[in-house]
């Protein structure tokens, strides 16, 4: 409670609340939905959120630094589509991957440069680069929306890997989550991201390289998107570029925000991504078993995202001055 008796919303722990909701939803689904608790379905839940969680890790690093990357899905789909197109056209594997990696790094660097040094708002920069990447690759570099993986290629073999009957993408998600956790918690570059996200002006004044760190965040997000795209192609034996126009981007933001990563920057971490991914995975699986139409699933997700943004705005105001001037 504050001085006038109103609840202190900033003392709430969004992560704990979401985790509790996920547990309640899991228990309710286990009791009320046939087959939900079966081992195959539990593996399917984890597998379904693995690529989403990987993309959310990249998004989380950007959001913690007070930014956003709306080009992630376009980079994921179009980079891998171009890679597979090169392979199907007879380009040697190493050369094809080098081309694609250079392109992904270039987009990440461009995003970071325009945000950090040209001072263009991140939402407009990444929206524009995402649209450009999709349009250019689809019109100039690939010949169809769905590009197959060449038979016998390592990407196809990757999709068939299992350990204890668990698909490889689950272990990749776990490994990347651990690496991002170590990066954010135990490296000076990770701490710089929190400092810059919390107060970029103060961070610059104490000597933190705020602009280069901005560029680094968008490069990391682009690389994570490439990894997610390769895993998607490995699982499906192809990549469909129409995913760029799907709701995947909103799902990524939903996982990050609902898990408790503040859009105001400087708050959150890997644990928030895991909590958000758990809730969304359980929710999507339950809606699928119930056979809720996709249109209504998207409506429910949109409502949850809107609620999460409102809660985030209450718990984590954009700055202290805004928090003190509640009517502004």
Protein backbone atom coordinates (compact mmCIF):
# COMPACT_ATOMS: atom_id res chain seq x y z
CA UNK A 1 0.00 0.00 0.00
CA UNK A 2 1.22 3.57 -0.66
CA UNK A 3 0.74 6.70 1.41
CA UNK A 4 -2.89 7.21 0.36
CA UNK A 5 -3.91 3.60 0.72
CA UNK A 6 -3.78 2.43 -2.91
CA UNK A 7 -2.09 -0.89 -3.72
CA UNK A 8 1.55 -0.58 -4.74
CA UNK A 9 1.37 -2.29 -8.14
CA UNK A 10 5.13 -2.07 -8.64
CA UNK A 11 5.62 -4.51 -5.77
CA UNK A 12 3.74 -7.21 -7.67
CA UNK A 13 5.78 -10.02 -9.17
CA UNK A 14 4.40 -10.62 -12.63
CA UNK A 15 6.65 -13.63 -13.14
CA UNK A 16 5.28 -15.35 -10.05
CA UNK A 17 1.68 -14.59 -10.99
CA UNK A 18 2.13 -15.97 -14.52
CA UNK A 19 3.90 -19.06 -13.20
CA UNK A 20 1.01 -19.71 -10.80
CA UNK A 21 -1.51 -19.28 -13.63
CA UNK A 22 0.48 -21.74 -15.76
CA UNK A 23 0.39 -24.33 -12.97
CA UNK A 24 -3.36 -23.88 -12.43
CA UNK A 25 -3.99 -24.13 -16.17
CA UNK A 26 -1.82 -27.24 -16.41
CA UNK A 27 -3.65 -28.96 -13.55
CA UNK A 28 -7.06 -28.02 -14.96
CA UNK A 29 -6.11 -29.30 -18.43
CA UNK A 30 -4.67 -32.51 -16.98
CA UNK A 31 -7.94 -33.18 -15.16
CA UNK A 32 -10.39 -32.03 -17.80
CA UNK A 33 -8.79 -32.79 -21.17
CA UNK A 34 -8.27 -36.38 -22.36
CA UNK A 35 -4.71 -37.15 -23.41
CA UNK A 36 -3.26 -33.88 -22.15
CA UNK A 37 -1.06 -35.54 -19.54
CA UNK A 38 0.21 -38.27 -21.87
CA UNK A 39 4.00 -38.33 -22.40
CA UNK A 40 3.65 -37.73 -26.14
CA UNK A 41 1.51 -34.65 -25.59
CA UNK A 42 3.85 -33.25 -22.94
CA UNK A 43 6.76 -33.61 -25.37
CA UNK A 44 4.62 -31.96 -28.04
CA UNK A 45 3.99 -28.99 -25.72
CA UNK A 46 7.70 -28.47 -25.09
CA UNK A 47 8.55 -28.97 -28.75
CA UNK A 48 5.88 -26.52 -29.89
CA UNK A 49 7.36 -23.68 -27.83
CA UNK A 50 11.03 -24.46 -28.47
CA UNK A 51 11.43 -22.37 -31.64
CA UNK A 52 9.09 -19.73 -30.20
CA UNK A 53 11.18 -19.68 -27.02
CA UNK A 54 14.43 -19.38 -28.99
CA UNK A 55 13.07 -16.36 -30.87
CA UNK A 56 11.82 -14.92 -27.58
CA UNK A 57 15.35 -15.19 -26.13
CA UNK A 58 16.66 -12.94 -28.90
CA UNK A 59 13.72 -10.57 -28.47
CA UNK A 60 14.28 -10.51 -24.70
CA UNK A 61 17.88 -9.31 -25.06
CA UNK A 62 16.67 -6.47 -27.28
CA UNK A 63 13.73 -5.51 -25.04
CA UNK A 64 15.85 -5.53 -21.88
CA UNK A 65 18.03 -2.95 -23.64
CA UNK A 66 14.92 -0.81 -24.28
CA UNK A 67 14.34 -1.79 -27.89
CA UNK A 68 12.30 -4.15 -30.05
CA UNK A 69 13.03 -6.25 -33.13
CA UNK A 70 10.10 -6.67 -35.53
CA UNK A 71 12.36 -8.12 -38.23
CA UNK A 72 13.13 -11.36 -36.36
CA UNK A 73 10.55 -13.57 -38.11
CA UNK A 74 11.47 -12.22 -41.55
CA UNK A 75 15.16 -12.90 -40.87
CA UNK A 76 14.34 -16.39 -39.59
CA UNK A 77 12.24 -17.44 -42.59
CA UNK A 78 13.94 -15.65 -45.46
CA UNK A 79 17.55 -16.39 -44.50
CA UNK A 80 16.88 -20.12 -44.29
CA UNK A 81 14.74 -20.05 -47.46
CA UNK A 82 17.64 -18.43 -49.32
CA UNK A 83 20.08 -20.97 -47.85
CA UNK A 84 17.94 -23.90 -49.01
CA UNK A 85 17.41 -22.29 -52.42
CA UNK A 86 21.18 -21.98 -52.86
CA UNK A 87 21.64 -25.62 -51.89
CA UNK A 88 18.93 -26.78 -54.28
CA UNK A 89 20.61 -24.74 -57.03
CA UNK A 90 23.90 -26.58 -56.55
CA UNK A 91 25.84 -24.04 -54.48
CA UNK A 92 28.38 -25.73 -52.17
CA UNK A 93 27.14 -25.95 -48.59
CA UNK A 94 29.95 -23.93 -47.02
CA UNK A 95 29.68 -21.12 -49.56
CA UNK A 96 25.88 -21.02 -49.30
CA UNK A 97 25.99 -20.81 -45.52
CA UNK A 98 28.68 -18.10 -45.68
CA UNK A 99 26.46 -16.01 -47.97
CA UNK A 100 23.48 -16.39 -45.67
CA UNK A 101 25.44 -15.73 -42.50
CA UNK A 102 26.91 -12.56 -44.04
CA UNK A 103 23.40 -11.42 -45.01
CA UNK A 104 22.02 -12.06 -41.52
CA UNK A 105 24.91 -10.18 -39.90
CA UNK A 106 24.41 -7.31 -42.35
CA UNK A 107 20.73 -6.95 -41.43
CA UNK A 108 21.55 -7.08 -37.72
CA UNK A 109 24.27 -4.46 -38.16
CA UNK A 110 21.94 -2.27 -40.21
CA UNK A 111 19.21 -2.47 -37.58
CA UNK A 112 21.68 -1.63 -34.83
CA UNK A 113 23.34 1.21 -36.76
CA UNK A 114 20.08 2.94 -37.65
CA UNK A 115 18.78 2.69 -34.07
CA UNK A 116 22.05 3.54 -32.32
CA UNK A 117 23.70 6.09 -34.60
CA UNK A 118 20.88 7.47 -36.77
CA UNK A 119 18.50 7.66 -33.77
CA UNK A 120 15.59 6.17 -35.72
CA UNK A 121 13.01 4.51 -33.41
CA UNK A 122 13.59 0.76 -33.30
CA UNK A 123 9.97 -0.10 -34.08
CA UNK A 124 10.18 1.71 -37.44
CA UNK A 125 13.67 0.50 -38.33
CA UNK A 126 12.98 -3.18 -37.72
CA UNK A 127 9.51 -3.03 -39.30
CA UNK A 128 11.08 -1.58 -42.44
CA UNK A 129 14.03 -3.98 -42.59
CA UNK A 130 11.73 -6.94 -41.98
CA UNK A 131 9.51 -5.88 -44.88
CA UNK A 132 12.55 -5.29 -47.09
CA UNK A 133 14.11 -8.67 -46.29
CA UNK A 134 10.85 -10.47 -47.03
CA UNK A 135 10.19 -8.59 -50.27
CA UNK A 136 13.73 -8.76 -51.63
CA UNK A 137 14.38 -12.42 -50.87
CA UNK A 138 10.95 -13.53 -52.10
CA UNK A 139 11.18 -11.57 -55.35
CA UNK A 140 14.87 -11.89 -56.18
CA UNK A 141 16.44 -14.88 -54.44
CA UNK A 142 13.88 -17.68 -54.12
CA UNK A 143 11.34 -19.08 -56.59
CA UNK A 144 8.52 -20.30 -54.32
CA UNK A 145 6.99 -19.73 -50.90
CA UNK A 146 7.96 -23.15 -49.50
CA UNK A 147 11.56 -24.20 -50.08
CA UNK A 148 12.40 -27.88 -49.30
CA UNK A 149 15.49 -29.18 -47.55
CA UNK A 150 17.68 -31.22 -49.94
CA UNK A 151 17.42 -34.93 -49.29
CA UNK A 152 20.17 -36.22 -47.01
CA UNK A 153 21.37 -32.75 -46.04
CA UNK A 154 22.55 -32.15 -42.46
CA UNK A 155 19.50 -29.95 -41.77
CA UNK A 156 17.24 -32.93 -42.60
CA UNK A 157 19.34 -35.21 -40.41
CA UNK A 158 19.22 -32.65 -37.60
CA UNK A 159 15.43 -32.82 -37.58
CA UNK A 160 15.49 -36.57 -36.95
CA UNK A 161 17.77 -36.43 -33.93
CA UNK A 162 16.22 -37.56 -30.64
CA UNK A 163 17.55 -38.11 -27.14
CA UNK A 164 15.35 -40.01 -24.71
CA UNK A 165 12.59 -39.56 -27.33
CA UNK A 166 12.86 -35.78 -27.02
CA UNK A 167 13.45 -33.78 -30.25
CA UNK A 168 16.75 -31.97 -30.67
CA UNK A 169 15.17 -28.50 -30.79
CA UNK A 170 14.19 -28.84 -27.12
CA UNK A 171 17.84 -29.33 -26.16
CA UNK A 172 18.93 -26.46 -28.42
CA UNK A 173 16.38 -24.21 -26.70
CA UNK A 174 17.65 -25.30 -23.28
CA UNK A 175 21.28 -24.78 -24.31
CA UNK A 176 20.65 -21.33 -25.77
CA UNK A 177 18.64 -20.33 -22.70
CA UNK A 178 21.59 -21.31 -20.50
CA UNK A 179 24.06 -19.40 -22.69
CA UNK A 180 21.91 -16.27 -22.70
CA UNK A 181 21.53 -16.57 -18.92
CA UNK A 182 25.31 -16.72 -18.51
CA UNK A 183 25.77 -13.80 -20.91
CA UNK A 184 23.27 -11.54 -19.14
CA UNK A 185 24.19 -12.48 -15.59
CA UNK A 186 27.94 -13.02 -15.59
CA UNK A 187 29.50 -10.91 -18.37
CA UNK A 188 30.12 -7.18 -18.35
CA UNK A 189 28.40 -6.90 -21.74
CA UNK A 190 25.29 -8.48 -20.28
CA UNK A 191 25.32 -6.06 -17.35
CA UNK A 192 25.78 -3.18 -19.78
CA UNK A 193 22.53 -4.20 -21.47
CA UNK A 194 20.65 -3.81 -18.18
CA UNK A 195 22.34 -0.48 -17.39
CA UNK A 196 21.61 0.92 -20.84
CA UNK A 197 18.03 -0.33 -20.77
CA UNK A 198 17.36 1.12 -17.33
CA UNK A 199 18.86 4.55 -18.02
CA UNK A 200 20.75 5.03 -21.30
CA UNK A 201 21.79 8.62 -20.50
CA UNK A 202 23.30 7.68 -17.14
CA UNK A 203 24.94 4.62 -18.69
CA UNK A 204 26.59 6.78 -21.35
CA UNK A 205 27.74 9.27 -18.72
CA UNK A 206 29.58 6.61 -16.73
CA UNK A 207 31.43 5.39 -19.80
CA UNK A 208 29.36 2.43 -20.98
CA UNK A 209 29.54 2.07 -24.81
CA UNK A 210 25.77 2.41 -25.23
CA UNK A 211 25.72 2.71 -29.03
CA UNK A 212 27.99 -0.29 -29.78
CA UNK A 213 25.96 -2.32 -27.29
CA UNK A 214 22.80 -1.42 -29.19
CA UNK A 215 24.35 -2.75 -32.38
CA UNK A 216 25.42 -5.94 -30.57
CA UNK A 217 21.89 -6.62 -29.37
CA UNK A 218 20.41 -6.51 -32.86
CA UNK A 219 23.19 -8.67 -34.27
CA UNK A 220 22.55 -11.26 -31.55
CA UNK A 221 18.81 -11.16 -32.28
CA UNK A 222 19.48 -11.77 -35.98
CA UNK A 223 21.77 -14.73 -35.25
CA UNK A 224 19.21 -16.26 -32.88
CA UNK A 225 16.58 -15.89 -35.62
CA UNK A 226 18.83 -17.80 -38.04
CA UNK A 227 19.18 -20.64 -35.53
CA UNK A 228 15.41 -20.74 -35.04
CA UNK A 229 14.92 -20.88 -38.80
CA UNK A 230 17.33 -23.79 -39.22
CA UNK A 231 15.52 -25.74 -36.49
CA UNK A 232 12.16 -25.00 -38.11
CA UNK A 233 13.42 -26.30 -41.45
CA UNK A 234 14.93 -29.35 -39.74
CA UNK A 235 11.61 -30.18 -38.09
CA UNK A 236 9.41 -29.61 -41.15
CA UNK A 237 11.98 -30.55 -43.85
CA UNK A 238 11.19 -27.19 -45.49
CA UNK A 239 10.67 -23.54 -44.68
CA UNK A 240 7.50 -21.69 -45.64
CA UNK A 241 8.06 -17.95 -46.06
CA UNK A 242 4.37 -17.24 -45.44
CA UNK A 243 5.15 -17.54 -41.74
CA UNK A 244 6.34 -13.91 -42.00
CA UNK A 245 2.70 -12.86 -42.38
CA UNK A 246 1.47 -15.09 -39.55
CA UNK A 247 0.96 -14.23 -35.88
CA UNK A 248 4.36 -15.64 -34.90
CA UNK A 249 5.87 -12.21 -34.28
CA UNK A 250 3.08 -11.34 -31.85
CA UNK A 251 3.54 -14.69 -30.11
CA UNK A 252 7.22 -13.86 -29.58
CA UNK A 253 6.41 -10.51 -27.99
CA UNK A 254 3.64 -12.19 -25.99
CA UNK A 255 6.03 -14.76 -24.51
CA UNK A 256 8.52 -12.06 -23.50
CA UNK A 257 6.05 -9.54 -22.11
CA UNK A 258 3.70 -11.93 -20.34
CA UNK A 259 6.68 -13.60 -18.69
CA UNK A 260 7.60 -10.30 -17.05
CA UNK A 261 10.24 -8.64 -19.24
CA UNK A 262 9.47 -4.95 -18.91
CA UNK A 263 9.02 -2.98 -22.13
CA UNK A 264 10.52 -0.02 -20.29
CA UNK A 265 13.89 -1.79 -20.39
CA UNK A 266 16.40 -2.89 -17.78
CA UNK A 267 14.23 -5.64 -16.28
CA UNK A 268 13.77 -9.36 -16.84
CA UNK A 269 15.84 -12.30 -17.95
CA UNK A 270 15.82 -15.85 -19.25
CA UNK A 271 13.59 -17.09 -16.44
CA UNK A 272 10.84 -14.73 -17.61
CA UNK A 273 11.07 -16.19 -21.13
CA UNK A 274 10.77 -19.72 -19.75
CA UNK A 275 7.73 -18.81 -17.66
CA UNK A 276 6.04 -17.04 -20.57
CA UNK A 277 6.80 -19.92 -22.94
CA UNK A 278 5.39 -22.43 -20.44
CA UNK A 279 2.10 -20.56 -20.11
CA UNK A 280 1.66 -20.02 -23.84
CA UNK A 281 2.62 -23.62 -24.64
CA UNK A 282 0.07 -25.01 -22.21
CA UNK A 283 -2.59 -22.57 -23.39
CA UNK A 284 -2.10 -23.29 -27.10
CA UNK A 285 -2.06 -27.04 -26.55
CA UNK A 286 -5.24 -26.92 -24.48
CA UNK A 287 -7.02 -24.79 -27.09
CA UNK A 288 -5.94 -27.22 -29.80
CA UNK A 289 -7.30 -30.23 -27.88
CA UNK A 290 -10.57 -28.38 -27.26
CA UNK A 291 -10.58 -27.62 -31.01
CA UNK A 292 -11.03 -23.88 -30.67
CA UNK A 293 -10.93 -22.32 -34.18
CA UNK A 294 -7.69 -20.54 -35.08
CA UNK A 295 -9.52 -17.22 -35.40
CA UNK A 296 -10.61 -17.38 -31.77
CA UNK A 297 -7.20 -18.63 -30.65
CA UNK A 298 -5.67 -15.50 -32.18
CA UNK A 299 -8.33 -13.37 -30.49
CA UNK A 300 -7.52 -14.92 -27.11
CA UNK A 301 -3.77 -14.41 -27.63
CA UNK A 302 -4.34 -10.80 -28.68
CA UNK A 303 -6.40 -10.15 -25.55
CA UNK A 304 -3.68 -11.70 -23.37
CA UNK A 305 -0.98 -9.61 -25.06
CA UNK A 306 -3.00 -6.43 -24.58
CA UNK A 307 -3.57 -7.27 -20.91
CA UNK A 308 0.14 -8.04 -20.45
CA UNK A 309 1.13 -4.68 -21.98
CA UNK A 310 -1.31 -2.84 -19.70
CA UNK A 311 -0.01 -4.68 -16.63
CA UNK A 312 3.57 -3.99 -17.71
CA UNK A 313 2.75 -0.30 -18.05
CA UNK A 314 1.38 -0.25 -14.49
CA UNK A 315 4.14 -2.29 -12.88
CA UNK A 316 7.03 -0.83 -14.91
CA UNK A 317 6.31 2.78 -15.92
CA UNK A 318 8.43 4.06 -18.79
CA UNK A 319 10.33 6.36 -16.43
CA UNK A 320 10.10 7.70 -12.89
CA UNK A 321 8.66 11.03 -13.98
CA UNK A 322 5.78 9.26 -15.73
CA UNK A 323 5.21 7.13 -12.64
CA UNK A 324 4.88 10.26 -10.52
CA UNK A 325 2.53 11.94 -13.00
CA UNK A 326 -0.04 9.21 -13.33
CA UNK A 327 -2.51 11.39 -15.24
CA UNK A 328 -0.12 12.15 -18.10
